[in-house]
Amino acid sequence: MNSKSILGFVALLVVSVAALRVYSWTWSERLLAPVRVGMTRSQVQVLIGPPQHESTNNGVAAWDYTRSWSRDARVYFDTNDVVWAIETD
């Protein structure tokens, strides 16, 4: 291998890592973009699928779609199973 091919490989590697990082930063926003306040729990599940994790606190349910490589992606439901908040951080 000559120095030009090594430099090209390193440049391609840096660009690829940067592209994957940008993808991981924007994944949660793109996933939850179609979810709107006022949707029901079943509508959300049909639209984007089941959550990775579900928790409940004082009747408020939180569906967590966060992946290990992504930013936070959560949908909160009130006691009537209606979306009242969407969190992407």
C-alpha atoms as a PDB file:
ATOM      1  CA  MET A   1       0.000   0.000   0.000  1.00  0.00           C
ATOM      2  CA  ASN A   2       1.214   3.431  -0.788  1.00  0.00           C
ATOM      3  CA  SER A   3       0.655   6.551   1.298  1.00  0.00           C
ATOM      4  CA  LYS A   4      -2.120   7.896  -0.983  1.00  0.00           C
ATOM      5  CA  SER A   5      -4.264   4.774  -0.567  1.00  0.00           C
ATOM      6  CA  ILE A   6      -3.756   4.793   3.203  1.00  0.00           C
ATOM      7  CA  LEU A   7      -4.715   8.466   3.365  1.00  0.00           C
ATOM      8  CA  GLY A   8      -7.810   7.778   1.228  1.00  0.00           C
ATOM      9  CA  PHE A   9      -8.819   4.915   3.494  1.00  0.00           C
ATOM     10  CA  VAL A  10      -8.419   7.044   6.617  1.00  0.00           C
ATOM     11  CA  ALA A  11     -10.447   9.874   5.042  1.00  0.00           C
ATOM     12  CA  LEU A  12     -13.224   7.429   4.089  1.00  0.00           C
ATOM     13  CA  LEU A  13     -13.215   5.997   7.609  1.00  0.00           C
ATOM     14  CA  VAL A  14     -13.498   9.466   9.208  1.00  0.00           C
ATOM     15  CA  VAL A  15     -16.382  10.450   6.910  1.00  0.00           C
ATOM     16  CA  SER A  16     -18.172   7.145   7.608  1.00  0.00           C
ATOM     17  CA  VAL A  17     -17.868   7.513  11.378  1.00  0.00           C
ATOM     18  CA  ALA A  18     -19.128  11.110  11.191  1.00  0.00           C
ATOM     19  CA  ALA A  19     -22.109  10.054   9.052  1.00  0.00           C
ATOM     20  CA  LEU A  20     -23.050   7.298  11.500  1.00  0.00           C
ATOM     21  CA  ARG A  21     -22.818   9.730  14.405  1.00  0.00           C
ATOM     22  CA  VAL A  22     -25.133  12.231  12.695  1.00  0.00           C
ATOM     23  CA  TYR A  23     -27.558   9.385  11.921  1.00  0.00           C
ATOM     24  CA  SER A  24     -27.595   8.335  15.587  1.00  0.00           C
ATOM     25  CA  TRP A  25     -28.235  11.950  16.727  1.00  0.00           C
ATOM     26  CA  THR A  26     -31.235  12.401  14.413  1.00  0.00           C
ATOM     27  CA  TRP A  27     -32.735   8.904  14.638  1.00  0.00           C
ATOM     28  CA  SER A  28     -35.079   9.616  17.552  1.00  0.00           C
ATOM     29  CA  GLU A  29     -36.495  12.788  15.935  1.00  0.00           C
ATOM     30  CA  ARG A  30     -37.182  10.930  12.684  1.00  0.00           C
ATOM     31  CA  LEU A  31     -38.769   7.960  14.485  1.00  0.00           C
ATOM     32  CA  LEU A  32     -41.154  10.086  16.570  1.00  0.00           C
ATOM     33  CA  ALA A  33     -41.895  12.725  13.885  1.00  0.00           C
ATOM     34  CA  PRO A  34     -45.295  11.241  12.936  1.00  0.00           C
ATOM     35  CA  VAL A  35     -46.475  10.976  16.577  1.00  0.00           C
ATOM     36  CA  ARG A  36     -48.752  13.827  17.658  1.00  0.00           C
ATOM     37  CA  VAL A  37     -50.253  14.901  20.974  1.00  0.00           C
ATOM     38  CA  GLY A  38     -53.810  13.558  21.172  1.00  0.00           C
ATOM     39  CA  MET A  39     -53.101  10.199  19.520  1.00  0.00           C
ATOM     40  CA  THR A  40     -54.134   7.036  21.346  1.00  0.00           C
ATOM     41  CA  ARG A  41     -51.799   4.329  22.551  1.00  0.00           C
ATOM     42  CA  SER A  42     -52.993   1.920  19.858  1.00  0.00           C
ATOM     43  CA  GLN A  43     -52.460   4.524  17.114  1.00  0.00           C
ATOM     44  CA  VAL A  44     -48.865   5.050  18.257  1.00  0.00           C
ATOM     45  CA  GLN A  45     -48.213   1.312  18.332  1.00  0.00           C
ATOM     46  CA  VAL A  46     -49.571   0.850  14.805  1.00  0.00           C
ATOM     47  CA  LEU A  47     -47.585   3.857  13.568  1.00  0.00           C
ATOM     48  CA  ILE A  48     -44.125   3.160  15.019  1.00  0.00           C
ATOM     49  CA  GLY A  49     -44.366  -0.235  16.712  1.00  0.00           C
ATOM     50  CA  PRO A  50     -44.056  -1.454  20.284  1.00  0.00           C
ATOM     51  CA  PRO A  51     -41.641   0.287  22.669  1.00  0.00           C
ATOM     52  CA  GLN A  52     -38.318  -1.062  23.910  1.00  0.00           C
ATOM     53  CA  HIS A  53     -39.430  -0.396  27.481  1.00  0.00           C
ATOM     54  CA  GLU A  54     -42.665   0.712  29.168  1.00  0.00           C
ATOM     55  CA  SER A  55     -42.977   2.276  32.614  1.00  0.00           C
ATOM     56  CA  THR A  56     -45.824   3.738  34.665  1.00  0.00           C
ATOM     57  CA  ASN A  57     -45.712   6.389  37.370  1.00  0.00           C
ATOM     58  CA  ASN A  58     -48.912   7.659  39.054  1.00  0.00           C
ATOM     59  CA  GLY A  59     -51.040   6.493  36.135  1.00  0.00           C
ATOM     60  CA  VAL A  60     -48.842   8.170  33.506  1.00  0.00           C
ATOM     61  CA  ALA A  61     -47.300   5.658  31.100  1.00  0.00           C
ATOM     62  CA  ALA A  62     -44.012   6.259  29.326  1.00  0.00           C
ATOM     63  CA  TRP A  63     -43.004   4.314  26.236  1.00  0.00           C
ATOM     64  CA  ASP A  64     -39.264   4.362  25.673  1.00  0.00           C
ATOM     65  CA  TYR A  65     -37.908   3.841  22.146  1.00  0.00           C
ATOM     66  CA  THR A  66     -34.330   4.843  23.048  1.00  0.00           C
ATOM     67  CA  ARG A  67     -31.577   2.636  21.629  1.00  0.00           C
ATOM     68  CA  SER A  68     -28.102   2.269  23.116  1.00  0.00           C
ATOM     69  CA  TRP A  69     -26.619   4.351  20.286  1.00  0.00           C
ATOM     70  CA  SER A  70     -29.355   7.003  20.023  1.00  0.00           C
ATOM     71  CA  ARG A  71     -30.569  10.000  21.962  1.00  0.00           C
ATOM     72  CA  ASP A  72     -33.696   9.729  24.136  1.00  0.00           C
ATOM     73  CA  ALA A  73     -36.983   8.927  22.407  1.00  0.00           C
ATOM     74  CA  ARG A  74     -40.040   8.718  24.687  1.00  0.00           C
ATOM     75  CA  VAL A  75     -43.806   9.046  24.353  1.00  0.00           C
ATOM     76  CA  TYR A  76     -45.910   9.854  27.445  1.00  0.00           C
ATOM     77  CA  PHE A  77     -49.568   8.858  27.841  1.00  0.00           C
ATOM     78  CA  ASP A  78     -52.069  10.251  30.329  1.00  0.00           C
ATOM     79  CA  THR A  79     -54.495   8.118  32.341  1.00  0.00           C
ATOM     80  CA  ASN A  80     -56.851   7.939  29.332  1.00  0.00           C
ATOM     81  CA  ASP A  81     -54.095   6.403  27.142  1.00  0.00           C
ATOM     82  CA  VAL A  82     -53.762   9.579  25.052  1.00  0.00           C
ATOM     83  CA  VAL A  83     -50.377  11.075  24.111  1.00  0.00           C
ATOM     84  CA  TRP A  84     -49.724  14.219  26.128  1.00  0.00           C
ATOM     85  CA  ALA A  85     -45.953  14.627  25.568  1.00  0.00           C
ATOM     86  CA  ILE A  86     -43.222  13.522  23.188  1.00  0.00           C
ATOM     87  CA  GLU A  87     -39.589  13.732  24.287  1.00  0.00           C
ATOM     88  CA  THR A  88     -36.535  13.591  22.066  1.00  0.00           C
ATOM     89  CA  ASP A  89     -33.308  14.670  23.676  1.00  0.00           C
END
